[in-house]
Structure formats: structure tokens, C-alpha cells
Amino acid sequence: MKYALVIFETDESRNGIRTDRDTHRGAYESWIGQIAAAGKLISGDALDTEHIAAMTVRKSSDGASTVTDGPAHPGEETLGGWFVIDVADREEAVELAKGLRTPETVEIWPLLETA
């Protein structure tokens, strides 16, 4: 089954990045490297959360668009990126997510299988 591991940065993880980027990135890259070495990583991307702020476009039922600076849901946790993995079941996806050694939040979402 394919799952998305959706990574959310936290105030603590952003502080770690600012304080010691190399250590933070090393731990993160080690985690995803282990998933890749096990043949379970399909793809992934990180968002540039430091240099350019997100923009949000909201559509209303009448077709009007509202554009605002910033994420759709501002707060302590902000979307940082995602990985798509292929594993036996949800429990395996949870175990892989628990292996992340940096203080981010990981949401685990099953991907729709298309015909």
C-alpha cells in the first residue's frame, strides 16, 4: 500500500534548523535514507519554508478567488514536505514515521489507488 508521510515543521524543529542546520539535516537525511535503502521510498519533496512565504488561494462557491499571503492554516506547525512510501500496511507506515529523530510532526495518509 502507498502512503504519504506528510511532514510538519514545529517551532522546536525550526529552532533546531536555525541553531545547527547540519545536525538537523543529518538526522533527517539518515531517516529518509534508511527508508530508501529498504526499497520503500517512492518519492518526496521538501518545501522552501525559509526564503519565500506560502500564498493561499481560496475559492468560493460563486467562483470568486481570494488570495492571501501565508499558509492556509497558520500556527505552530507548518507544512514542510512529504514522502510517498510503499509498505505492507498502515502499521508499517506508522513504524517508519516513528523513526524520524527530529521534532517534526508526521501525518500518515493512505493514497487513493487508481484503476
N, C-alpha and C. Protein backbone atom coordinates (compact mmCIF):
# COMPACT_ATOMS: atom_id res chain seq x y z
N MET A 1 0.83 -1.18 0.00
CA MET A 1 0.00 0.00 0.00
C MET A 1 0.88 1.25 0.00
N LYS A 2 0.39 2.26 -0.65
CA LYS A 2 1.13 3.52 -0.70
C LYS A 2 0.54 4.50 0.31
N TYR A 3 1.47 5.18 1.00
CA TYR A 3 1.10 6.18 1.98
C TYR A 3 1.94 7.43 1.77
N ALA A 4 1.35 8.57 2.12
CA ALA A 4 2.10 9.82 2.17
C ALA A 4 2.47 10.07 3.63
N LEU A 5 3.73 10.33 3.85
CA LEU A 5 4.20 10.81 5.15
C LEU A 5 4.30 12.32 5.00
N VAL A 6 3.38 13.05 5.59
CA VAL A 6 3.30 14.50 5.45
C VAL A 6 3.98 15.11 6.66
N ILE A 7 5.05 15.88 6.39
CA ILE A 7 5.90 16.41 7.45
C ILE A 7 5.50 17.86 7.77
N PHE A 8 5.30 18.12 9.05
CA PHE A 8 5.00 19.47 9.52
C PHE A 8 6.14 19.94 10.41
N GLU A 9 6.71 21.09 10.06
CA GLU A 9 7.72 21.70 10.91
C GLU A 9 7.04 22.27 12.15
N THR A 10 7.78 22.29 13.25
CA THR A 10 7.28 22.86 14.50
C THR A 10 8.22 23.99 14.92
N ASP A 11 7.81 24.75 15.91
CA ASP A 11 8.70 25.78 16.43
C ASP A 11 10.02 25.17 16.88
N GLU A 12 9.95 23.99 17.53
CA GLU A 12 11.16 23.33 18.01
C GLU A 12 12.06 22.89 16.85
N SER A 13 11.47 22.36 15.79
CA SER A 13 12.32 21.93 14.67
C SER A 13 12.91 23.13 13.93
N ARG A 14 12.14 24.20 13.79
CA ARG A 14 12.68 25.40 13.14
C ARG A 14 13.83 25.98 13.96
N ASN A 15 13.71 25.93 15.28
CA ASN A 15 14.79 26.40 16.14
C ASN A 15 16.03 25.52 15.95
N GLY A 16 15.84 24.21 15.85
CA GLY A 16 16.95 23.30 15.61
C GLY A 16 17.65 23.56 14.29
N ILE A 17 16.87 23.89 13.28
CA ILE A 17 17.44 24.20 11.96
C ILE A 17 18.28 25.47 12.06
N ARG A 18 17.75 26.49 12.74
CA ARG A 18 18.50 27.75 12.87
C ARG A 18 19.76 27.57 13.72
N THR A 19 19.67 26.74 14.76
CA THR A 19 20.78 26.56 15.70
C THR A 19 21.89 25.70 15.11
N ASP A 20 21.53 24.57 14.49
CA ASP A 20 22.53 23.64 13.96
C ASP A 20 21.95 22.89 12.77
N ARG A 21 21.92 23.58 11.64
CA ARG A 21 21.33 23.04 10.42
C ARG A 21 21.94 21.69 10.03
N ASP A 22 23.26 21.56 10.13
CA ASP A 22 23.92 20.32 9.69
C ASP A 22 23.48 19.11 10.50
N THR A 23 23.38 19.25 11.81
CA THR A 23 22.95 18.14 12.66
C THR A 23 21.50 17.78 12.36
N HIS A 24 20.66 18.79 12.24
CA HIS A 24 19.24 18.56 11.95
C HIS A 24 19.09 17.84 10.61
N ARG A 25 19.73 18.36 9.58
CA ARG A 25 19.64 17.75 8.24
C ARG A 25 20.23 16.35 8.23
N GLY A 26 21.32 16.14 8.96
CA GLY A 26 21.93 14.82 9.01
C GLY A 26 20.98 13.78 9.58
N ALA A 27 20.30 14.11 10.68
CA ALA A 27 19.34 13.19 11.29
C ALA A 27 18.18 12.92 10.33
N TYR A 28 17.71 13.96 9.70
CA TYR A 28 16.59 13.84 8.76
C TYR A 28 16.98 12.99 7.56
N GLU A 29 18.15 13.27 6.99
CA GLU A 29 18.60 12.53 5.81
C GLU A 29 18.92 11.08 6.14
N SER A 30 19.38 10.81 7.35
CA SER A 30 19.63 9.44 7.78
C SER A 30 18.31 8.66 7.81
N TRP A 31 17.28 9.28 8.36
CA TRP A 31 15.96 8.64 8.45
C TRP A 31 15.42 8.29 7.06
N ILE A 32 15.40 9.26 6.18
CA ILE A 32 14.83 9.00 4.86
C ILE A 32 15.75 8.08 4.05
N GLY A 33 17.06 8.14 4.30
CA GLY A 33 17.99 7.23 3.65
C GLY A 33 17.74 5.78 4.03
N GLN A 34 17.38 5.54 5.29
CA GLN A 34 17.06 4.17 5.72
C GLN A 34 15.80 3.66 5.03
N ILE A 35 14.82 4.53 4.87
CA ILE A 35 13.59 4.14 4.18
C ILE A 35 13.90 3.83 2.72
N ALA A 36 14.72 4.66 2.10
CA ALA A 36 15.10 4.44 0.70
C ALA A 36 15.91 3.15 0.55
N ALA A 37 16.85 2.91 1.45
CA ALA A 37 17.69 1.71 1.38
C ALA A 37 16.86 0.44 1.53
N ALA A 38 15.75 0.52 2.25
CA ALA A 38 14.86 -0.62 2.41
C ALA A 38 13.95 -0.81 1.20
N GLY A 39 14.06 0.08 0.21
CA GLY A 39 13.26 -0.04 -1.01
C GLY A 39 11.82 0.42 -0.84
N LYS A 40 11.55 1.23 0.17
CA LYS A 40 10.18 1.63 0.46
C LYS A 40 9.84 3.07 0.05
N LEU A 41 10.85 3.84 -0.35
CA LEU A 41 10.63 5.23 -0.73
C LEU A 41 10.29 5.32 -2.21
N ILE A 42 9.18 5.98 -2.53
CA ILE A 42 8.80 6.19 -3.93
C ILE A 42 9.21 7.59 -4.38
N SER A 43 8.90 8.59 -3.57
CA SER A 43 9.23 9.97 -3.94
C SER A 43 9.11 10.86 -2.71
N GLY A 44 9.47 12.11 -2.87
CA GLY A 44 9.32 13.06 -1.79
C GLY A 44 9.85 14.42 -2.19
N ASP A 45 9.37 15.42 -1.50
CA ASP A 45 9.81 16.79 -1.74
C ASP A 45 9.74 17.58 -0.44
N ALA A 46 10.67 18.50 -0.30
CA ALA A 46 10.65 19.44 0.81
C ALA A 46 10.22 20.80 0.27
N LEU A 47 9.52 21.55 1.07
CA LEU A 47 9.11 22.89 0.68
C LEU A 47 10.14 23.90 1.17
N ASP A 48 10.31 24.97 0.42
CA ASP A 48 11.21 26.05 0.84
C ASP A 48 10.44 26.91 1.83
N THR A 49 10.61 26.60 3.11
CA THR A 49 9.86 27.31 4.15
C THR A 49 10.62 28.48 4.75
N GLU A 50 11.86 28.70 4.29
CA GLU A 50 12.68 29.75 4.88
C GLU A 50 12.79 31.01 4.04
N HIS A 51 12.70 30.90 2.73
CA HIS A 51 13.02 32.03 1.86
C HIS A 51 11.81 32.73 1.26
N ILE A 52 10.75 31.98 1.01
CA ILE A 52 9.56 32.57 0.38
C ILE A 52 8.34 32.06 1.13
N ALA A 53 7.48 32.98 1.56
CA ALA A 53 6.28 32.58 2.29
C ALA A 53 5.25 31.97 1.35
N ALA A 54 4.45 31.08 1.89
CA ALA A 54 3.36 30.48 1.12
C ALA A 54 2.33 31.54 0.77
N MET A 55 1.56 31.26 -0.26
CA MET A 55 0.39 32.06 -0.60
C MET A 55 -0.79 31.11 -0.65
N THR A 56 -1.95 31.60 -0.30
CA THR A 56 -3.16 30.77 -0.27
C THR A 56 -4.21 31.37 -1.19
N VAL A 57 -4.81 30.52 -2.01
CA VAL A 57 -5.92 30.92 -2.87
C VAL A 57 -7.16 30.17 -2.40
N ARG A 58 -8.19 30.91 -2.02
CA ARG A 58 -9.44 30.30 -1.60
C ARG A 58 -10.51 30.62 -2.64
N LYS A 59 -11.24 29.58 -3.03
CA LYS A 59 -12.33 29.74 -4.00
C LYS A 59 -13.66 29.63 -3.26
N SER A 60 -14.57 30.50 -3.60
CA SER A 60 -15.91 30.42 -3.02
C SER A 60 -16.86 29.75 -4.01
N SER A 61 -18.04 29.41 -3.55
CA SER A 61 -19.00 28.71 -4.41
C SER A 61 -19.46 29.57 -5.59
N ASP A 62 -19.31 30.90 -5.49
CA ASP A 62 -19.69 31.77 -6.61
C ASP A 62 -18.54 31.95 -7.61
N GLY A 63 -17.41 31.25 -7.37
CA GLY A 63 -16.29 31.31 -8.29
C GLY A 63 -15.27 32.39 -7.98
N ALA A 64 -15.54 33.22 -6.99
CA ALA A 64 -14.59 34.29 -6.63
C ALA A 64 -13.36 33.69 -5.94
N SER A 65 -12.23 34.31 -6.17
CA SER A 65 -10.98 33.89 -5.55
C SER A 65 -10.47 34.96 -4.60
N THR A 66 -9.95 34.51 -3.46
CA THR A 66 -9.30 35.40 -2.51
C THR A 66 -7.88 34.89 -2.34
N VAL A 67 -6.91 35.79 -2.52
CA VAL A 67 -5.50 35.43 -2.40
C VAL A 67 -4.94 36.13 -1.17
N THR A 68 -4.27 35.34 -0.31
CA THR A 68 -3.65 35.90 0.90
C THR A 68 -2.23 35.39 1.03
N ASP A 69 -1.38 36.18 1.67
CA ASP A 69 -0.03 35.73 2.00
C ASP A 69 -0.10 34.81 3.20
N GLY A 70 0.72 33.77 3.18
CA GLY A 70 0.80 32.87 4.32
C GLY A 70 0.09 31.55 4.06
N PRO A 71 0.32 30.60 4.97
CA PRO A 71 -0.29 29.28 4.81
C PRO A 71 -1.79 29.31 5.04
N ALA A 72 -2.50 28.31 4.56
CA ALA A 72 -3.95 28.23 4.73
C ALA A 72 -4.32 28.12 6.20
N HIS A 73 -3.49 27.43 6.98
CA HIS A 73 -3.76 27.21 8.40
C HIS A 73 -2.54 27.61 9.21
N PRO A 74 -2.38 28.91 9.49
CA PRO A 74 -1.21 29.35 10.25
C PRO A 74 -1.23 28.81 11.67
N GLY A 75 -0.06 28.63 12.21
CA GLY A 75 0.05 28.15 13.58
C GLY A 75 1.46 27.65 13.83
N GLU A 76 1.63 26.93 14.93
CA GLU A 76 2.96 26.43 15.27
C GLU A 76 3.47 25.43 14.24
N GLU A 77 2.59 24.56 13.75
CA GLU A 77 3.01 23.55 12.78
C GLU A 77 2.72 24.04 11.37
N THR A 78 3.74 23.97 10.51
CA THR A 78 3.56 24.37 9.12
C THR A 78 4.06 23.26 8.21
N LEU A 79 3.39 23.10 7.09
CA LEU A 79 3.74 22.06 6.13
C LEU A 79 5.17 22.24 5.67
N GLY A 80 5.96 21.17 5.79
CA GLY A 80 7.36 21.24 5.39
C GLY A 80 7.69 20.39 4.18
N GLY A 81 6.88 19.36 3.92
CA GLY A 81 7.12 18.49 2.78
C GLY A 81 6.42 17.17 2.96
N TRP A 82 6.76 16.20 2.09
CA TRP A 82 6.11 14.90 2.14
C TRP A 82 6.97 13.86 1.46
N PHE A 83 6.69 12.62 1.81
CA PHE A 83 7.31 11.47 1.16
C PHE A 83 6.21 10.48 0.84
N VAL A 84 6.34 9.79 -0.27
CA VAL A 84 5.42 8.70 -0.61
C VAL A 84 6.20 7.41 -0.42
N ILE A 85 5.60 6.50 0.36
CA ILE A 85 6.24 5.22 0.64
C ILE A 85 5.32 4.09 0.19
N ASP A 86 5.90 2.93 -0.05
CA ASP A 86 5.15 1.74 -0.41
C ASP A 86 5.48 0.67 0.63
N VAL A 87 4.49 0.33 1.45
CA VAL A 87 4.69 -0.58 2.57
C VAL A 87 3.57 -1.62 2.61
N ALA A 88 3.73 -2.61 3.46
CA ALA A 88 2.75 -3.69 3.56
C ALA A 88 1.41 -3.21 4.10
N ASP A 89 1.44 -2.32 5.11
CA ASP A 89 0.20 -1.91 5.74
C ASP A 89 0.41 -0.62 6.54
N ARG A 90 -0.66 -0.14 7.13
CA ARG A 90 -0.63 1.11 7.88
C ARG A 90 0.33 1.04 9.07
N GLU A 91 0.37 -0.12 9.72
CA GLU A 91 1.25 -0.28 10.88
C GLU A 91 2.71 -0.08 10.49
N GLU A 92 3.10 -0.58 9.31
CA GLU A 92 4.48 -0.38 8.87
C GLU A 92 4.74 1.10 8.59
N ALA A 93 3.77 1.79 8.02
CA ALA A 93 3.91 3.23 7.77
C ALA A 93 4.11 3.98 9.09
N VAL A 94 3.33 3.59 10.11
CA VAL A 94 3.46 4.23 11.43
C VAL A 94 4.85 3.98 12.00
N GLU A 95 5.34 2.76 11.90
CA GLU A 95 6.66 2.44 12.43
C GLU A 95 7.75 3.25 11.73
N LEU A 96 7.64 3.40 10.41
CA LEU A 96 8.63 4.20 9.68
C LEU A 96 8.56 5.66 10.13
N ALA A 97 7.35 6.19 10.30
CA ALA A 97 7.20 7.59 10.74
C ALA A 97 7.78 7.79 12.13
N LYS A 98 7.62 6.82 13.00
CA LYS A 98 8.15 6.92 14.36
C LYS A 98 9.67 6.97 14.38
N GLY A 99 10.31 6.54 13.31
CA GLY A 99 11.77 6.55 13.24
C GLY A 99 12.38 7.92 13.01
N LEU A 100 11.58 8.92 12.66
CA LEU A 100 12.10 10.28 12.46
C LEU A 100 12.65 10.80 13.79
N ARG A 101 13.92 11.23 13.79
CA ARG A 101 14.57 11.64 15.04
C ARG A 101 14.59 13.16 15.24
N THR A 102 13.94 13.90 14.37
CA THR A 102 13.86 15.34 14.55
C THR A 102 12.45 15.68 15.04
N PRO A 103 12.28 16.84 15.70
CA PRO A 103 11.00 17.14 16.34
C PRO A 103 9.93 17.70 15.40
N GLU A 104 9.67 16.99 14.31
CA GLU A 104 8.57 17.35 13.43
C GLU A 104 7.35 16.49 13.74
N THR A 105 6.22 16.87 13.18
CA THR A 105 5.00 16.08 13.25
C THR A 105 4.83 15.39 11.90
N VAL A 106 4.45 14.11 11.92
CA VAL A 106 4.26 13.35 10.68
C VAL A 106 2.81 12.86 10.64
N GLU A 107 2.07 13.29 9.61
CA GLU A 107 0.74 12.73 9.35
C GLU A 107 0.91 11.61 8.34
N ILE A 108 0.15 10.56 8.50
CA ILE A 108 0.23 9.41 7.61
C ILE A 108 -1.12 9.30 6.89
N TRP A 109 -1.06 9.42 5.55
CA TRP A 109 -2.27 9.38 4.75
C TRP A 109 -2.18 8.28 3.70
N PRO A 110 -3.20 7.41 3.61
CA PRO A 110 -3.21 6.43 2.53
C PRO A 110 -3.47 7.15 1.20
N LEU A 111 -2.81 6.69 0.15
CA LEU A 111 -3.05 7.27 -1.18
C LEU A 111 -4.17 6.51 -1.86
N LEU A 112 -4.99 7.20 -2.61
CA LEU A 112 -6.02 6.55 -3.39
C LEU A 112 -5.38 5.72 -4.48
N GLU A 113 -5.77 4.50 -4.58
CA GLU A 113 -5.28 3.65 -5.66
C GLU A 113 -6.22 3.85 -6.85
N THR A 114 -5.66 4.17 -8.01
CA THR A 114 -6.47 4.41 -9.19
C THR A 114 -6.49 3.17 -10.07
N ALA A 115 -7.54 3.05 -10.83
CA ALA A 115 -7.70 1.89 -11.73
C ALA A 115 -6.83 2.03 -12.95
